[in-house]
Amino acid sequence: MFDFIATNDFGYKTDFITWTGDTSPHNTWTNTKEEVAEYVRNVTQTLKDSLGSNSQIDIFPALGNHDVWPINTEDLTKPDSNWDINMIKEDWLGPHWLSDEEHTQFGTFGYYSKPLSFTNGKVLALNTQTCNEMNWWLFQDRDDPAGIMQWLEDELAALEKDQGIAVIIGHIPPVECLHEFGYRFKGLMERYQHIVRFQIYGHTHEEGVNINRAVNTYTAIQWQLIAGSGTPVDNRNPSFLQITWDKELMVPINIHTYYMNLTKANESPDQ
């Protein structure tokens, strides 16, 4: 998959890649924190090797609930204290990955913002462990875990002031999030619907679309794209998306799914 992406043979120039998390295998009860971190680091290096040292493609990675150990759990009360994030962040540092400032911000609680190099805007990468209903550490702070909602509001307000735009990425679609996070997120998406041009998440291992609705009127105001997964679950085909963007408005105008047909591959494994 990475080698195919690296050929950049889509008919359009590839400007950036969003990586929505969950890199380690889902052998949830037999893995270790070292194993989880090592898988993320190995896949990171494999992507770097495939793209090559001269690649000009920006990479925007996000943390998944299987990228921490034990699964779903992350203490968000102490900055820079998460072992998993500290193991991953060094591999995400570098040209076209995270800058020193972005790397430092990611290390704090697992979320960051990074400018889009070709337009006046940013990618805002959420750490959706802050809203994961299975993260028992959230009982310590149900209002704004890790300060992520205040950070998100500040980022969107600054972009509005600068007449910029935002693309939001994350792992768990916010429709599955705990009440306090989910309600405030919903309000921010309504307030800044002219700033947030696109949202993309993962987690489900299958493509889908969620609709963001207004807080009081239930009016549809935005949509969230749920990307397919490079790893098959429940007999699904591995896949990735290629999105063609309107550069001025930063909204998608076409989406193609590339996938491996597992049925065909298993029938003819030597071809």
Protein backbone atom coordinates (compact mmCIF):
# COMPACT_ATOMS: atom_id res chain seq x y z
CA MET A 1 0.00 0.00 0.00
CA PHE A 2 2.74 2.48 0.94
CA ASP A 3 4.71 1.68 -2.21
CA PHE A 4 1.58 2.24 -4.31
CA ILE A 5 0.95 5.58 -2.62
CA ALA A 6 4.60 6.54 -3.11
CA THR A 7 4.29 6.17 -6.90
CA ASN A 8 1.92 9.17 -6.69
CA ASP A 9 0.13 7.92 -9.82
CA PHE A 10 -3.34 9.28 -9.04
CA GLY A 11 -3.54 11.89 -11.76
CA TYR A 12 -3.11 14.60 -9.13
CA LYS A 13 -0.17 15.68 -6.98
CA THR A 14 -0.27 14.23 -3.46
CA ASP A 15 0.18 17.09 -0.99
CA PHE A 16 -0.47 15.39 2.34
CA ILE A 17 -1.44 12.15 4.03
CA THR A 18 -3.75 11.86 7.04
CA TRP A 19 -3.11 8.80 9.21
CA THR A 20 -6.01 8.31 11.61
CA GLY A 21 -4.44 5.91 14.09
CA ASP A 22 -4.71 2.31 15.33
CA THR A 23 -1.50 0.84 14.03
CA SER A 24 -0.84 -2.07 16.38
CA PRO A 25 -2.57 -5.45 15.89
CA HIS A 26 -5.70 -5.95 17.95
CA ASN A 27 -4.45 -8.84 20.07
CA THR A 28 -5.68 -6.74 22.94
CA TRP A 29 -5.10 -9.09 25.87
CA THR A 30 -1.74 -10.56 24.87
CA ASN A 31 0.28 -7.56 23.74
CA THR A 32 2.55 -5.28 25.77
CA LYS A 33 3.14 -1.55 25.76
CA GLU A 34 6.55 -2.16 24.18
CA GLU A 35 4.93 -4.18 21.38
CA VAL A 36 2.29 -1.52 20.73
CA ALA A 37 4.87 1.26 20.51
CA GLU A 38 7.17 -0.83 18.33
CA TYR A 39 4.43 -1.47 15.77
CA VAL A 40 3.72 2.25 15.47
CA ARG A 41 7.41 2.97 15.10
CA ASN A 42 7.89 0.21 12.50
CA VAL A 43 4.96 1.38 10.39
CA THR A 44 6.21 4.96 10.65
CA GLN A 45 9.62 3.92 9.35
CA THR A 46 8.08 1.78 6.60
CA LEU A 47 6.08 4.78 5.38
CA LYS A 48 9.19 6.97 5.46
CA ASP A 49 11.17 4.37 3.52
CA SER A 50 8.46 4.01 0.88
CA LEU A 51 8.11 7.76 0.34
CA GLY A 52 11.85 8.29 0.28
CA SER A 53 14.05 10.93 1.86
CA ASN A 54 13.20 13.52 -0.81
CA SER A 55 9.45 13.29 -0.36
CA GLN A 56 7.61 16.62 -0.15
CA ILE A 57 4.39 15.02 1.16
CA ASP A 58 3.28 16.28 4.58
CA ILE A 59 2.20 13.60 7.05
CA PHE A 60 -0.51 14.23 9.66
CA PRO A 61 -0.70 11.30 12.11
CA ALA A 62 -3.20 10.88 14.93
CA LEU A 63 -3.29 8.64 17.99
CA GLY A 64 -5.69 5.68 18.10
CA ASN A 65 -7.17 3.79 21.04
CA HIS A 66 -5.03 0.75 20.10
CA ASP A 67 -1.89 2.91 20.09
CA VAL A 68 -1.91 3.11 23.89
CA TRP A 69 -1.65 0.31 26.42
CA PRO A 70 -3.76 -1.12 27.87
CA ILE A 71 -6.21 -0.45 25.05
CA ASN A 72 -8.44 2.63 25.53
CA THR A 73 -6.66 3.82 28.67
CA GLU A 74 -4.72 7.04 28.98
CA ASP A 75 -4.21 9.19 32.04
CA LEU A 76 -4.70 12.79 30.93
CA THR A 77 -3.99 14.59 34.19
CA LYS A 78 -0.22 15.07 33.90
CA PRO A 79 1.40 16.66 30.84
CA ASP A 80 4.26 14.77 29.17
CA SER A 81 3.69 11.72 31.37
CA ASN A 82 2.22 9.22 28.89
CA TRP A 83 4.69 6.44 28.12
CA ASP A 84 3.12 5.50 24.79
CA ILE A 85 3.13 9.03 23.42
CA ASN A 86 6.71 9.57 24.52
CA MET A 87 7.78 6.42 22.66
CA ILE A 88 5.99 7.42 19.46
CA LYS A 89 6.67 11.15 19.29
CA GLU A 90 10.38 10.93 18.45
CA ASP A 91 9.59 8.97 15.28
CA TRP A 92 7.04 11.57 14.18
CA LEU A 93 9.57 14.40 14.46
CA GLY A 94 11.18 15.70 11.31
CA PRO A 95 10.71 17.42 7.94
CA HIS A 96 7.16 17.03 6.60
CA TRP A 97 6.18 15.29 9.84
CA LEU A 98 6.06 17.27 13.10
CA SER A 99 8.15 20.36 13.69
CA ASP A 100 9.87 20.92 17.04
CA GLU A 101 6.91 22.97 18.27
CA GLU A 102 4.31 20.48 17.03
CA HIS A 103 6.33 17.59 18.45
CA THR A 104 6.43 19.26 21.85
CA GLN A 105 2.70 19.94 21.74
CA PHE A 106 1.92 16.35 20.74
CA GLY A 107 4.08 15.06 23.59
CA THR A 108 2.05 17.01 26.12
CA PHE A 109 -1.30 15.21 25.69
CA GLY A 110 -1.33 13.63 22.21
CA TYR A 111 -2.94 16.37 20.13
CA TYR A 112 -1.43 19.12 17.96
CA SER A 113 -2.04 21.61 15.16
CA LYS A 114 0.03 21.84 12.00
CA PRO A 115 -0.22 24.38 9.16
CA LEU A 116 -1.24 23.31 5.69
CA SER A 117 1.66 24.38 3.51
CA PHE A 118 -0.39 25.36 0.46
CA THR A 119 -3.25 27.37 1.96
CA ASN A 120 -4.12 29.58 4.90
CA GLY A 121 -5.21 26.88 7.28
CA LYS A 122 -4.29 24.11 9.66
CA VAL A 123 -4.85 20.45 10.34
CA LEU A 124 -6.07 20.01 13.91
CA ALA A 125 -5.20 16.50 15.07
CA LEU A 126 -7.33 15.40 18.01
CA ASN A 127 -6.44 12.83 20.61
CA THR A 128 -9.83 11.14 20.91
CA GLN A 129 -8.75 9.28 24.02
CA THR A 130 -10.04 12.47 25.64
CA CYS A 131 -13.57 11.44 24.73
CA ASN A 132 -13.32 7.64 24.65
CA GLU A 133 -16.14 6.25 26.78
CA MET A 134 -13.96 3.22 27.57
CA ASN A 135 -11.08 5.30 28.98
CA TRP A 136 -11.69 4.93 32.71
CA TRP A 137 -9.17 7.69 33.49
CA LEU A 138 -11.74 10.22 32.28
CA PHE A 139 -13.59 9.88 35.58
CA GLN A 140 -10.87 12.22 36.89
CA ASP A 141 -11.89 15.02 34.54
CA ARG A 142 -15.22 14.87 32.76
CA ASP A 143 -15.37 18.56 31.85
CA ASP A 144 -12.35 19.05 29.57
CA PRO A 145 -9.80 16.22 29.75
CA ALA A 146 -6.28 17.41 28.89
CA GLY A 147 -7.75 20.84 28.09
CA ILE A 148 -8.42 19.70 24.53
CA MET A 149 -11.73 21.52 24.10
CA GLN A 150 -10.25 24.84 25.22
CA TRP A 151 -7.30 24.25 22.89
CA LEU A 152 -9.66 23.43 20.00
CA GLU A 153 -11.76 26.53 20.64
CA ASP A 154 -8.65 28.72 20.78
CA GLU A 155 -7.32 27.26 17.53
CA LEU A 156 -10.63 27.79 15.72
CA ALA A 157 -10.98 31.34 17.05
CA ALA A 158 -7.46 32.19 15.86
CA LEU A 159 -8.17 30.75 12.42
CA GLU A 160 -11.38 32.77 12.20
CA LYS A 161 -9.47 35.94 13.08
CA ASP A 162 -6.86 35.15 10.40
CA GLN A 163 -9.52 34.17 7.84
CA GLY A 164 -8.12 30.68 7.74
CA ILE A 165 -9.68 27.23 7.53
CA ALA A 166 -9.38 23.98 9.48
CA VAL A 167 -9.29 20.28 8.63
CA ILE A 168 -9.92 18.10 11.69
CA ILE A 169 -8.53 14.57 11.95
CA GLY A 170 -8.77 12.03 14.73
CA HIS A 171 -9.39 8.39 15.43
CA ILE A 172 -12.73 7.85 17.19
CA PRO A 173 -15.58 9.70 15.46
CA PRO A 174 -16.88 12.26 17.99
CA VAL A 175 -20.43 10.88 17.76
CA GLU A 176 -19.21 8.08 20.04
CA CYS A 177 -17.73 10.42 22.63
CA LEU A 178 -18.64 11.06 26.25
CA HIS A 179 -21.31 13.67 26.95
CA GLU A 180 -19.22 16.65 28.08
CA PHE A 181 -16.74 16.33 25.21
CA GLY A 182 -19.43 15.45 22.68
CA TYR A 183 -21.75 18.33 23.58
CA ARG A 184 -19.02 20.96 23.54
CA PHE A 185 -17.54 19.56 20.33
CA LYS A 186 -20.97 19.75 18.73
CA GLY A 187 -21.30 23.38 19.79
CA LEU A 188 -17.87 24.28 18.41
CA MET A 189 -18.64 22.63 15.07
CA GLU A 190 -21.80 24.70 14.82
CA ARG A 191 -20.12 27.94 15.87
CA TYR A 192 -17.17 27.46 13.51
CA GLN A 193 -18.87 25.63 10.68
CA HIS A 194 -17.49 28.20 8.21
CA ILE A 195 -13.94 27.45 9.43
CA VAL A 196 -14.02 23.64 9.67
CA ARG A 197 -14.10 22.50 6.05
CA PHE A 198 -13.59 18.78 6.56
CA GLN A 199 -13.32 16.08 9.21
CA ILE A 200 -11.88 12.56 8.84
CA TYR A 201 -11.68 9.73 11.37
CA GLY A 202 -11.02 5.98 11.52
CA HIS A 203 -11.73 3.42 14.27
CA THR A 204 -14.55 1.42 12.64
CA HIS A 205 -12.43 -0.31 9.94
CA GLU A 206 -15.10 0.48 7.36
CA GLU A 207 -16.04 3.52 5.33
CA GLY A 208 -18.95 5.62 6.45
CA VAL A 209 -20.33 9.10 6.94
CA ASN A 210 -21.61 10.81 10.08
CA ILE A 211 -23.66 14.00 10.08
CA ASN A 212 -22.92 16.88 12.47
CA ARG A 213 -26.17 18.54 13.54
CA ALA A 214 -26.85 21.85 15.26
CA VAL A 215 -27.21 21.80 19.03
CA ASN A 216 -30.76 23.14 19.29
CA THR A 217 -32.33 22.81 15.85
CA TYR A 218 -30.94 19.44 14.76
CA THR A 219 -30.13 21.00 11.39
CA ALA A 220 -27.42 19.18 9.44
CA ILE A 221 -24.41 21.51 9.31
CA GLN A 222 -21.41 19.29 8.50
CA TRP A 223 -20.35 15.75 7.75
CA GLN A 224 -17.57 13.52 8.99
CA LEU A 225 -15.85 11.01 6.73
CA ILE A 226 -14.98 7.66 8.31
CA ALA A 227 -12.09 6.17 6.36
CA GLY A 228 -11.63 2.50 5.65
CA SER A 229 -8.72 0.64 7.18
CA GLY A 230 -5.46 -0.74 5.87
CA THR A 231 -6.05 -3.72 8.15
CA PRO A 232 -9.03 -6.01 7.56
CA VAL A 233 -11.46 -6.86 10.33
CA ASP A 234 -14.44 -9.23 9.97
CA ASN A 235 -13.65 -10.14 6.35
CA ARG A 236 -13.41 -6.54 5.13
CA ASN A 237 -10.94 -5.60 2.41
CA PRO A 238 -7.91 -3.46 3.31
CA SER A 239 -8.31 0.00 1.79
CA PHE A 240 -7.29 3.64 1.74
CA LEU A 241 -8.84 6.79 0.31
CA GLN A 242 -7.52 9.26 -2.25
CA ILE A 243 -9.23 12.63 -1.93
CA THR A 244 -9.21 15.37 -4.55
CA TRP A 245 -9.59 18.83 -3.02
CA ASP A 246 -10.73 22.23 -4.15
CA LYS A 247 -7.60 24.16 -3.21
CA GLU A 248 -9.33 27.51 -2.68
CA LEU A 249 -12.22 26.28 -0.51
CA MET A 250 -10.43 23.19 0.93
CA VAL A 251 -13.42 20.94 0.52
CA PRO A 252 -13.28 17.49 -1.13
CA ILE A 253 -14.65 17.32 -4.66
CA ASN A 254 -13.97 13.63 -5.29
CA ILE A 255 -13.04 10.57 -3.25
CA HIS A 256 -11.71 7.29 -4.60
CA THR A 257 -11.34 4.09 -2.57
CA TYR A 258 -8.40 1.83 -3.35
CA TYR A 259 -8.70 -1.64 -1.87
CA MET A 260 -7.21 -5.13 -1.98
CA ASN A 261 -9.70 -7.86 -2.94
CA LEU A 262 -8.97 -10.50 -0.31
CA THR A 263 -11.31 -13.05 -1.88
CA LYS A 264 -9.48 -12.83 -5.21
CA ALA A 265 -6.08 -12.79 -3.51
CA ASN A 266 -6.87 -15.93 -1.51
CA GLU A 267 -8.17 -17.72 -4.60
CA SER A 268 -4.96 -16.97 -6.52
CA PRO A 269 -2.25 -16.40 -3.90
CA ASP A 270 0.61 -16.76 -6.42
CA GLN A 271 -0.56 -14.01 -8.74
